[in-house]
Amino acid sequence: MCLPKEDRHIGLPLRFKTDQPKTNIEMKVGLFIPCYVNAIFPEVGVAAYKLLDHLGVEVDYPIDQTCCGQPMANAGFENEAIPLAQQFEKLFDKYEYIVAPSASCAVFVKENYPRLLEKEGHLCQTSGKIYDFCEFLHDVLKVNKLPGKFPHKVSVHNSCHGVRELHLSSASELNIPRYSKIRDLLDKVEGVEVLEPQKVDECCGFGGMFSIEEPSVSVCMGQDKVKNHMATGAEYITGADSSCLMHMQGVVNREKLPVKFIHVVQILAAGL
């Protein structure tokens, strides 16, 4: 994550100046910033830190963290992800909670690390500690108030990993009451109007390696998803996965469509 030079210390808590009051929460969190967020969307990582700090959570950013290994595993080279899983385990084992502003990366650690590390005779200690950022705020911190204002219409994108593996929202194919943890959190931000598209949890077409191996189908799915989001009248499309937002933004940029993108963490941290 791009940080001021004075904050680049291994294992030391990062500190940003804020005038916001803190809640009395005693826990230590390891902030995991996935490689593509670090390289392309560093502002998402900064927003994640600022909001956790505002909420009174002691946050560390281990400077030696790397990719979680999901791209290798998705491409069929699962064993290449094992050294990355070992590094992750070494860096993050000491924390009570691990928080990542990326549902897909959180899921990869949660669901795949135990099996990968078992190949090396190691019992995984981190898979049960990792949470997507929205999941952590909603289920662990149980926040009832957020600091900022975002006076805009936003359409929520429910990514496949977030819906069907982290249960950030209900899957439409299940006969269960409708819920959305992301929407619950956005409703606590002053001024925001939260909208959802038709086919609310249909895939955007990114799918990691799918978008590389089946680019034509992936683009068509992205076009359909953007069309449904724009039909809500939203100014912004938001969600918990920068990868999905990046895919749809590619469609918007190529077709010069009048809609913007913002990660949900940036809305939740607005004003900090």
C-alpha atoms as a PDB file:
ATOM      1  CA  MET A   1       0.000   0.000   0.000  1.00  0.00           C
ATOM      2  CA  CYS A   2       1.333   3.454  -0.811  1.00  0.00           C
ATOM      3  CA  LEU A   3       2.158   5.110   2.505  1.00  0.00           C
ATOM      4  CA  PRO A   4       4.122   8.134   3.719  1.00  0.00           C
ATOM      5  CA  LYS A   5       7.785   7.252   4.302  1.00  0.00           C
ATOM      6  CA  GLU A   6       7.528   7.794   8.044  1.00  0.00           C
ATOM      7  CA  ASP A   7       4.813   5.094   8.246  1.00  0.00           C
ATOM      8  CA  ARG A   8       6.738   2.377   6.419  1.00  0.00           C
ATOM      9  CA  HIS A   9       7.833   0.376   9.449  1.00  0.00           C
ATOM     10  CA  ILE A  10       7.565  -3.384   9.581  1.00  0.00           C
ATOM     11  CA  GLY A  11       5.189  -4.576  12.273  1.00  0.00           C
ATOM     12  CA  LEU A  12       4.476  -1.125  13.724  1.00  0.00           C
ATOM     13  CA  PRO A  13       0.940   0.274  13.922  1.00  0.00           C
ATOM     14  CA  LEU A  14       0.240   2.880  11.275  1.00  0.00           C
ATOM     15  CA  ARG A  15      -1.163   6.212  12.352  1.00  0.00           C
ATOM     16  CA  PHE A  16      -3.113   8.802  10.376  1.00  0.00           C
ATOM     17  CA  LYS A  17      -4.214  12.076  11.905  1.00  0.00           C
ATOM     18  CA  THR A  18      -7.936  12.259  12.515  1.00  0.00           C
ATOM     19  CA  ASP A  19     -10.197  14.451  14.589  1.00  0.00           C
ATOM     20  CA  GLN A  20     -12.895  11.794  14.716  1.00  0.00           C
ATOM     21  CA  PRO A  21     -13.766  10.310  18.146  1.00  0.00           C
ATOM     22  CA  LYS A  22     -12.824   6.688  18.748  1.00  0.00           C
ATOM     23  CA  THR A  23     -14.888   3.879  20.174  1.00  0.00           C
ATOM     24  CA  ASN A  24     -13.473   1.763  22.971  1.00  0.00           C
ATOM     25  CA  ILE A  25     -12.625  -1.418  21.038  1.00  0.00           C
ATOM     26  CA  GLU A  26      -9.700  -3.496  22.227  1.00  0.00           C
ATOM     27  CA  MET A  27      -8.446  -5.694  19.411  1.00  0.00           C
ATOM     28  CA  LYS A  28      -5.475  -5.845  17.085  1.00  0.00           C
ATOM     29  CA  VAL A  29      -6.122  -6.239  13.379  1.00  0.00           C
ATOM     30  CA  GLY A  30      -3.743  -7.162  10.597  1.00  0.00           C
ATOM     31  CA  LEU A  31      -4.687  -5.232   7.462  1.00  0.00           C
ATOM     32  CA  PHE A  32      -4.239  -7.326   4.316  1.00  0.00           C
ATOM     33  CA  ILE A  33      -4.155  -5.253   1.132  1.00  0.00           C
ATOM     34  CA  PRO A  34      -4.316  -7.535  -1.943  1.00  0.00           C
ATOM     35  CA  CYS A  35      -1.686  -7.003  -4.604  1.00  0.00           C
ATOM     36  CA  TYR A  36      -3.992  -5.540  -7.251  1.00  0.00           C
ATOM     37  CA  VAL A  37      -5.483  -3.104  -4.724  1.00  0.00           C
ATOM     38  CA  ASN A  38      -1.965  -2.087  -3.701  1.00  0.00           C
ATOM     39  CA  ALA A  39      -0.863  -1.582  -7.298  1.00  0.00           C
ATOM     40  CA  ILE A  40      -3.976  -0.053  -8.899  1.00  0.00           C
ATOM     41  CA  PHE A  41      -6.318   1.139  -6.144  1.00  0.00           C
ATOM     42  CA  PRO A  42      -4.132   2.161  -3.173  1.00  0.00           C
ATOM     43  CA  GLU A  43      -6.759   4.697  -2.116  1.00  0.00           C
ATOM     44  CA  VAL A  44      -8.974   1.759  -1.122  1.00  0.00           C
ATOM     45  CA  GLY A  45      -6.312   0.480   1.280  1.00  0.00           C
ATOM     46  CA  VAL A  46      -5.847   3.929   2.783  1.00  0.00           C
ATOM     47  CA  ALA A  47      -9.613   4.319   3.257  1.00  0.00           C
ATOM     48  CA  ALA A  48      -9.759   0.909   4.959  1.00  0.00           C
ATOM     49  CA  TYR A  49      -7.043   1.911   7.413  1.00  0.00           C
ATOM     50  CA  LYS A  50      -8.551   5.308   8.162  1.00  0.00           C
ATOM     51  CA  LEU A  51     -11.982   3.891   8.955  1.00  0.00           C
ATOM     52  CA  LEU A  52     -10.643   1.125  11.200  1.00  0.00           C
ATOM     53  CA  ASP A  53      -8.518   3.701  12.998  1.00  0.00           C
ATOM     54  CA  HIS A  54     -11.540   5.992  13.379  1.00  0.00           C
ATOM     55  CA  LEU A  55     -13.461   3.095  14.947  1.00  0.00           C
ATOM     56  CA  GLY A  56     -10.732   2.652  17.563  1.00  0.00           C
ATOM     57  CA  VAL A  57      -9.177  -0.523  16.185  1.00  0.00           C
ATOM     58  CA  GLU A  58      -5.400  -0.933  16.516  1.00  0.00           C
ATOM     59  CA  VAL A  59      -4.226  -1.697  12.991  1.00  0.00           C
ATOM     60  CA  ASP A  60      -0.954  -3.132  11.712  1.00  0.00           C
ATOM     61  CA  TYR A  61       0.071  -3.272   8.063  1.00  0.00           C
ATOM     62  CA  PRO A  62       2.783  -5.973   7.737  1.00  0.00           C
ATOM     63  CA  ILE A  63       5.041  -4.517   5.088  1.00  0.00           C
ATOM     64  CA  ASP A  64       6.290  -7.892   3.768  1.00  0.00           C
ATOM     65  CA  GLN A  65       2.838  -9.115   2.707  1.00  0.00           C
ATOM     66  CA  THR A  66       2.455 -10.406  -0.851  1.00  0.00           C
ATOM     67  CA  CYS A  67      -0.216 -11.710  -3.206  1.00  0.00           C
ATOM     68  CA  CYS A  68      -2.416 -14.353  -1.553  1.00  0.00           C
ATOM     69  CA  GLY A  69      -1.795 -16.779  -4.423  1.00  0.00           C
ATOM     70  CA  GLN A  70      -5.274 -16.796  -5.919  1.00  0.00           C
ATOM     71  CA  PRO A  71      -4.141 -15.996  -9.514  1.00  0.00           C
ATOM     72  CA  MET A  72      -1.778 -18.985  -9.565  1.00  0.00           C
ATOM     73  CA  ALA A  73      -4.378 -21.349  -8.174  1.00  0.00           C
ATOM     74  CA  ASN A  74      -7.068 -20.101 -10.562  1.00  0.00           C
ATOM     75  CA  ALA A  75      -4.697 -20.681 -13.488  1.00  0.00           C
ATOM     76  CA  GLY A  76      -4.150 -24.315 -12.487  1.00  0.00           C
ATOM     77  CA  PHE A  77      -0.803 -23.871 -10.725  1.00  0.00           C
ATOM     78  CA  GLU A  78      -2.022 -24.371  -7.183  1.00  0.00           C
ATOM     79  CA  ASN A  79       1.321 -25.516  -5.782  1.00  0.00           C
ATOM     80  CA  GLU A  80       2.821 -22.166  -6.779  1.00  0.00           C
ATOM     81  CA  ALA A  81       0.487 -20.552  -4.250  1.00  0.00           C
ATOM     82  CA  ILE A  82       1.836 -22.574  -1.316  1.00  0.00           C
ATOM     83  CA  PRO A  83       4.918 -20.374  -0.606  1.00  0.00           C
ATOM     84  CA  LEU A  84       2.624 -17.330  -0.584  1.00  0.00           C
ATOM     85  CA  ALA A  85       0.268 -19.055   1.823  1.00  0.00           C
ATOM     86  CA  GLN A  86       3.245 -19.858   4.064  1.00  0.00           C
ATOM     87  CA  GLN A  87       4.383 -16.220   4.004  1.00  0.00           C
ATOM     88  CA  PHE A  88       0.862 -15.025   4.767  1.00  0.00           C
ATOM     89  CA  GLU A  89       0.586 -17.444   7.679  1.00  0.00           C
ATOM     90  CA  LYS A  90       3.935 -16.275   9.070  1.00  0.00           C
ATOM     91  CA  LEU A  91       2.972 -12.583   8.919  1.00  0.00           C
ATOM     92  CA  PHE A  92      -0.658 -12.697  10.028  1.00  0.00           C
ATOM     93  CA  ASP A  93      -0.851 -15.542  12.549  1.00  0.00           C
ATOM     94  CA  LYS A  94      -0.294 -13.178  15.511  1.00  0.00           C
ATOM     95  CA  TYR A  95      -3.410 -11.066  14.905  1.00  0.00           C
ATOM     96  CA  GLU A  96      -6.839 -11.606  16.414  1.00  0.00           C
ATOM     97  CA  TYR A  97      -8.458 -10.604  13.139  1.00  0.00           C
ATOM     98  CA  ILE A  98      -7.265 -10.180   9.550  1.00  0.00           C
ATOM     99  CA  VAL A  99      -9.237  -7.718   7.425  1.00  0.00           C
ATOM    100  CA  ALA A 100      -9.075  -7.280   3.652  1.00  0.00           C
ATOM    101  CA  PRO A 101     -10.962  -4.863   1.378  1.00  0.00           C
ATOM    102  CA  SER A 102     -11.472  -7.638  -1.173  1.00  0.00           C
ATOM    103  CA  ALA A 103     -14.057 -10.384  -0.847  1.00  0.00           C
ATOM    104  CA  SER A 104     -12.408 -12.714  -3.382  1.00  0.00           C
ATOM    105  CA  CYS A 105      -8.977 -12.609  -1.729  1.00  0.00           C
ATOM    106  CA  ALA A 106     -10.484 -13.086   1.727  1.00  0.00           C
ATOM    107  CA  VAL A 107     -12.367 -16.127   0.429  1.00  0.00           C
ATOM    108  CA  PHE A 108      -9.224 -17.621  -1.106  1.00  0.00           C
ATOM    109  CA  VAL A 109      -7.423 -17.498   2.234  1.00  0.00           C
ATOM    110  CA  LYS A 110     -10.472 -18.701   4.152  1.00  0.00           C
ATOM    111  CA  GLU A 111     -11.421 -21.614   1.918  1.00  0.00           C
ATOM    112  CA  ASN A 112      -8.154 -22.762   0.335  1.00  0.00           C
ATOM    113  CA  TYR A 113      -5.288 -22.130   2.755  1.00  0.00           C
ATOM    114  CA  PRO A 114      -6.112 -25.049   5.082  1.00  0.00           C
ATOM    115  CA  ARG A 115      -5.847 -27.500   2.186  1.00  0.00           C
ATOM    116  CA  LEU A 116      -2.764 -25.874   0.650  1.00  0.00           C
ATOM    117  CA  LEU A 117      -0.839 -25.730   3.928  1.00  0.00           C
ATOM    118  CA  GLU A 118      -1.847 -29.280   4.828  1.00  0.00           C
ATOM    119  CA  LYS A 119       0.269 -30.401   1.853  1.00  0.00           C
ATOM    120  CA  GLU A 120       3.270 -29.053   3.785  1.00  0.00           C
ATOM    121  CA  GLY A 121       2.162 -30.661   7.051  1.00  0.00           C
ATOM    122  CA  HIS A 122       1.046 -27.326   8.528  1.00  0.00           C
ATOM    123  CA  LEU A 123      -2.252 -26.657  10.300  1.00  0.00           C
ATOM    124  CA  CYS A 124      -3.517 -23.304   9.013  1.00  0.00           C
ATOM    125  CA  GLN A 125      -4.052 -20.688  11.731  1.00  0.00           C
ATOM    126  CA  THR A 126      -5.247 -17.740   9.628  1.00  0.00           C
ATOM    127  CA  SER A 127      -8.223 -19.052   7.648  1.00  0.00           C
ATOM    128  CA  GLY A 128     -10.608 -18.629  10.558  1.00  0.00           C
ATOM    129  CA  LYS A 129      -9.421 -15.101  11.323  1.00  0.00           C
ATOM    130  CA  ILE A 130      -9.843 -13.405   7.951  1.00  0.00           C
ATOM    131  CA  TYR A 131     -12.808 -11.213   7.063  1.00  0.00           C
ATOM    132  CA  ASP A 132     -13.818  -9.062   4.162  1.00  0.00           C
ATOM    133  CA  PHE A 133     -13.918  -5.441   5.307  1.00  0.00           C
ATOM    134  CA  CYS A 134     -17.715  -5.126   5.128  1.00  0.00           C
ATOM    135  CA  GLU A 135     -18.169  -8.484   6.830  1.00  0.00           C
ATOM    136  CA  PHE A 136     -15.890  -7.340   9.657  1.00  0.00           C
ATOM    137  CA  LEU A 137     -17.731  -4.059  10.196  1.00  0.00           C
ATOM    138  CA  HIS A 138     -21.141  -5.696  10.025  1.00  0.00           C
ATOM    139  CA  ASP A 139     -20.594  -8.966  11.914  1.00  0.00           C
ATOM    140  CA  VAL A 140     -17.688  -8.280  14.295  1.00  0.00           C
ATOM    141  CA  LEU A 141     -17.688  -4.568  15.085  1.00  0.00           C
ATOM    142  CA  LYS A 142     -21.465  -4.305  14.551  1.00  0.00           C
ATOM    143  CA  VAL A 143     -21.145  -0.601  13.722  1.00  0.00           C
ATOM    144  CA  ASN A 144     -24.302   1.476  14.114  1.00  0.00           C
ATOM    145  CA  LYS A 145     -22.880   4.786  12.918  1.00  0.00           C
ATOM    146  CA  LEU A 146     -20.438   5.910  10.253  1.00  0.00           C
ATOM    147  CA  PRO A 147     -18.705   9.288  10.113  1.00  0.00           C
ATOM    148  CA  GLY A 148     -19.126  10.754   6.678  1.00  0.00           C
ATOM    149  CA  LYS A 149     -21.515  12.021   4.047  1.00  0.00           C
ATOM    150  CA  PHE A 150     -21.885  10.811   0.466  1.00  0.00           C
ATOM    151  CA  PRO A 151     -24.817  12.640  -1.178  1.00  0.00           C
ATOM    152  CA  HIS A 152     -25.023  10.475  -4.293  1.00  0.00           C
ATOM    153  CA  LYS A 153     -27.024   7.647  -5.836  1.00  0.00           C
ATOM    154  CA  VAL A 154     -25.060   4.390  -5.810  1.00  0.00           C
ATOM    155  CA  SER A 155     -25.890   1.005  -7.315  1.00  0.00           C
ATOM    156  CA  VAL A 156     -24.524  -1.953  -5.325  1.00  0.00           C
ATOM    157  CA  HIS A 157     -22.639  -4.667  -7.183  1.00  0.00           C
ATOM    158  CA  ASN A 158     -22.801  -8.017  -5.395  1.00  0.00           C
ATOM    159  CA  SER A 159     -19.734  -9.995  -6.443  1.00  0.00           C
ATOM    160  CA  CYS A 160     -19.957 -13.772  -6.790  1.00  0.00           C
ATOM    161  CA  HIS A 161     -17.416 -14.544  -4.054  1.00  0.00           C
ATOM    162  CA  GLY A 162     -19.034 -12.107  -1.677  1.00  0.00           C
ATOM    163  CA  VAL A 163     -22.529 -13.506  -2.178  1.00  0.00           C
ATOM    164  CA  ARG A 164     -21.986 -17.244  -2.365  1.00  0.00           C
ATOM    165  CA  GLU A 165     -18.928 -17.823  -0.209  1.00  0.00           C
ATOM    166  CA  LEU A 166     -18.850 -14.965   2.310  1.00  0.00           C
ATOM    167  CA  HIS A 167     -22.636 -14.473   2.395  1.00  0.00           C
ATOM    168  CA  LEU A 168     -22.398 -10.687   2.233  1.00  0.00           C
ATOM    169  CA  SER A 169     -25.864 -10.841   0.735  1.00  0.00           C
ATOM    170  CA  SER A 170     -28.481 -13.497   0.073  1.00  0.00           C
ATOM    171  CA  ALA A 171     -28.158 -15.492  -3.139  1.00  0.00           C
ATOM    172  CA  SER A 172     -31.205 -14.988  -5.360  1.00  0.00           C
ATOM    173  CA  GLU A 173     -31.490 -18.706  -6.154  1.00  0.00           C
ATOM    174  CA  LEU A 174     -32.097 -19.553  -2.489  1.00  0.00           C
ATOM    175  CA  ASN A 175     -35.534 -19.423  -0.960  1.00  0.00           C
ATOM    176  CA  ILE A 176     -34.479 -17.286   2.014  1.00  0.00           C
ATOM    177  CA  PRO A 177     -35.312 -13.750   3.202  1.00  0.00           C
ATOM    178  CA  ARG A 178     -33.445 -11.056   1.286  1.00  0.00           C
ATOM    179  CA  TYR A 179     -30.529  -9.362   3.069  1.00  0.00           C
ATOM    180  CA  SER A 180     -27.431  -7.341   2.194  1.00  0.00           C
ATOM    181  CA  LYS A 181     -24.685  -6.484   4.659  1.00  0.00           C
ATOM    182  CA  ILE A 182     -23.212  -3.964   2.217  1.00  0.00           C
ATOM    183  CA  ARG A 183     -26.544  -2.194   1.908  1.00  0.00           C
ATOM    184  CA  ASP A 184     -26.958  -2.208   5.701  1.00  0.00           C
ATOM    185  CA  LEU A 185     -23.623  -0.406   6.050  1.00  0.00           C
ATOM    186  CA  LEU A 186     -24.263   2.082   3.251  1.00  0.00           C
ATOM    187  CA  ASP A 187     -27.571   3.013   4.850  1.00  0.00           C
ATOM    188  CA  LYS A 188     -25.554   4.349   7.812  1.00  0.00           C
ATOM    189  CA  VAL A 189     -23.780   6.928   5.618  1.00  0.00           C
ATOM    190  CA  GLU A 190     -25.554  10.277   5.520  1.00  0.00           C
ATOM    191  CA  GLY A 191     -26.915  11.355   2.157  1.00  0.00           C
ATOM    192  CA  VAL A 192     -26.359   8.180   0.169  1.00  0.00           C
ATOM    193  CA  GLU A 193     -29.222   6.720  -1.865  1.00  0.00           C
ATOM    194  CA  VAL A 194     -28.683   2.984  -2.241  1.00  0.00           C
ATOM    195  CA  LEU A 195     -30.002   1.238  -5.360  1.00  0.00           C
ATOM    196  CA  GLU A 196     -29.695  -2.278  -6.748  1.00  0.00           C
ATOM    197  CA  PRO A 197     -29.920  -3.501 -10.358  1.00  0.00           C
ATOM    198  CA  GLN A 198     -32.145  -6.116 -11.909  1.00  0.00           C
ATOM    199  CA  LYS A 199     -30.584  -9.589 -11.687  1.00  0.00           C
ATOM    200  CA  VAL A 200     -29.082  -8.348  -8.449  1.00  0.00           C
ATOM    201  CA  ASP A 201     -26.367 -10.984  -8.029  1.00  0.00           C
ATOM    202  CA  GLU A 202     -25.662 -11.971 -11.624  1.00  0.00           C
ATOM    203  CA  CYS A 203     -21.919 -12.231 -12.416  1.00  0.00           C
ATOM    204  CA  CYS A 204     -20.273  -9.243 -14.118  1.00  0.00           C
ATOM    205  CA  GLY A 205     -18.097 -11.543 -16.228  1.00  0.00           C
ATOM    206  CA  PHE A 206     -14.730 -10.899 -14.589  1.00  0.00           C
ATOM    207  CA  GLY A 207     -14.216 -14.226 -12.842  1.00  0.00           C
ATOM    208  CA  GLY A 208     -10.415 -14.015 -12.676  1.00  0.00           C
ATOM    209  CA  MET A 209      -9.057 -16.352 -15.364  1.00  0.00           C
ATOM    210  CA  PHE A 210     -12.488 -16.521 -17.022  1.00  0.00           C
ATOM    211  CA  SER A 211     -12.070 -12.979 -18.363  1.00  0.00           C
ATOM    212  CA  ILE A 212      -8.736 -13.995 -19.898  1.00  0.00           C
ATOM    213  CA  GLU A 213      -9.766 -17.379 -21.289  1.00  0.00           C
ATOM    214  CA  GLU A 214     -13.217 -16.269 -22.515  1.00  0.00           C
ATOM    215  CA  PRO A 215     -12.803 -12.542 -23.219  1.00  0.00           C
ATOM    216  CA  SER A 216     -15.720 -12.177 -25.632  1.00  0.00           C
ATOM    217  CA  VAL A 217     -18.231 -13.770 -23.262  1.00  0.00           C
ATOM    218  CA  SER A 218     -16.726 -11.843 -20.350  1.00  0.00           C
ATOM    219  CA  VAL A 219     -17.162  -8.510 -22.147  1.00  0.00           C
ATOM    220  CA  CYS A 220     -20.782  -9.277 -23.042  1.00  0.00           C
ATOM    221  CA  MET A 221     -21.533 -10.140 -19.415  1.00  0.00           C
ATOM    222  CA  GLY A 222     -19.852  -6.921 -18.313  1.00  0.00           C
ATOM    223  CA  GLN A 223     -21.906  -4.875 -20.786  1.00  0.00           C
ATOM    224  CA  ASP A 224     -25.143  -6.448 -19.551  1.00  0.00           C
ATOM    225  CA  LYS A 225     -24.220  -5.808 -15.923  1.00  0.00           C
ATOM    226  CA  VAL A 226     -23.287  -2.173 -16.531  1.00  0.00           C
ATOM    227  CA  LYS A 227     -26.552  -1.656 -18.419  1.00  0.00           C
ATOM    228  CA  ASN A 228     -28.538  -2.974 -15.450  1.00  0.00           C
ATOM    229  CA  HIS A 229     -26.618  -0.802 -12.995  1.00  0.00           C
ATOM    230  CA  MET A 230     -27.099   2.316 -15.115  1.00  0.00           C
ATOM    231  CA  ALA A 231     -30.833   1.626 -15.453  1.00  0.00           C
ATOM    232  CA  THR A 232     -31.174   2.378 -11.730  1.00  0.00           C
ATOM    233  CA  GLY A 233     -30.191   6.008 -12.374  1.00  0.00           C
ATOM    234  CA  ALA A 234     -27.114   5.691 -10.163  1.00  0.00           C
ATOM    235  CA  GLU A 235     -24.192   8.091 -10.363  1.00  0.00           C
ATOM    236  CA  TYR A 236     -21.789   5.467  -9.007  1.00  0.00           C
ATOM    237  CA  ILE A 237     -21.425   1.695  -9.107  1.00  0.00           C
ATOM    238  CA  THR A 238     -19.957   0.349  -5.878  1.00  0.00           C
ATOM    239  CA  GLY A 239     -19.041  -3.016  -4.396  1.00  0.00           C
ATOM    240  CA  ALA A 240     -16.643  -4.964  -2.203  1.00  0.00           C
ATOM    241  CA  ASP A 241     -14.331  -6.215  -4.987  1.00  0.00           C
ATOM    242  CA  SER A 242     -12.139  -3.801  -6.925  1.00  0.00           C
ATOM    243  CA  SER A 243     -11.585  -6.568  -9.499  1.00  0.00           C
ATOM    244  CA  CYS A 244     -15.260  -6.594 -10.522  1.00  0.00           C
ATOM    245  CA  LEU A 245     -15.415  -2.805 -10.492  1.00  0.00           C
ATOM    246  CA  MET A 246     -12.272  -2.645 -12.636  1.00  0.00           C
ATOM    247  CA  HIS A 247     -13.784  -5.042 -15.177  1.00  0.00           C
ATOM    248  CA  MET A 248     -16.979  -3.020 -15.496  1.00  0.00           C
ATOM    249  CA  GLN A 249     -15.028   0.238 -15.572  1.00  0.00           C
ATOM    250  CA  GLY A 250     -13.196  -1.095 -18.625  1.00  0.00           C
ATOM    251  CA  VAL A 251     -16.555  -1.447 -20.381  1.00  0.00           C
ATOM    252  CA  VAL A 252     -17.604   2.055 -19.301  1.00  0.00           C
ATOM    253  CA  ASN A 253     -14.314   3.624 -20.418  1.00  0.00           C
ATOM    254  CA  ARG A 254     -14.398   1.972 -23.837  1.00  0.00           C
ATOM    255  CA  GLU A 255     -18.014   2.931 -24.454  1.00  0.00           C
ATOM    256  CA  LYS A 256     -17.699   6.368 -22.791  1.00  0.00           C
ATOM    257  CA  LEU A 257     -20.714   5.818 -20.540  1.00  0.00           C
ATOM    258  CA  PRO A 258     -21.778   8.383 -17.895  1.00  0.00           C
ATOM    259  CA  VAL A 259     -21.303   6.426 -14.663  1.00  0.00           C
ATOM    260  CA  LYS A 260     -18.477   6.352 -12.101  1.00  0.00           C
ATOM    261  CA  PHE A 261     -17.014   3.687  -9.834  1.00  0.00           C
ATOM    262  CA  ILE A 262     -16.043   3.711  -6.178  1.00  0.00           C
ATOM    263  CA  HIS A 263     -15.186   0.937  -3.736  1.00  0.00           C
ATOM    264  CA  VAL A 264     -17.685   0.608  -0.917  1.00  0.00           C
ATOM    265  CA  VAL A 265     -14.926   1.158   1.678  1.00  0.00           C
ATOM    266  CA  GLN A 266     -14.298   4.631   0.245  1.00  0.00           C
ATOM    267  CA  ILE A 267     -17.971   5.524   0.743  1.00  0.00           C
ATOM    268  CA  LEU A 268     -18.012   4.135   4.284  1.00  0.00           C
ATOM    269  CA  ALA A 269     -14.873   6.167   5.103  1.00  0.00           C
ATOM    270  CA  ALA A 270     -16.071   9.361   3.398  1.00  0.00           C
ATOM    271  CA  GLY A 271     -14.941  12.467   5.225  1.00  0.00           C
ATOM    272  CA  LEU A 272     -11.979  10.929   7.052  1.00  0.00           C
END
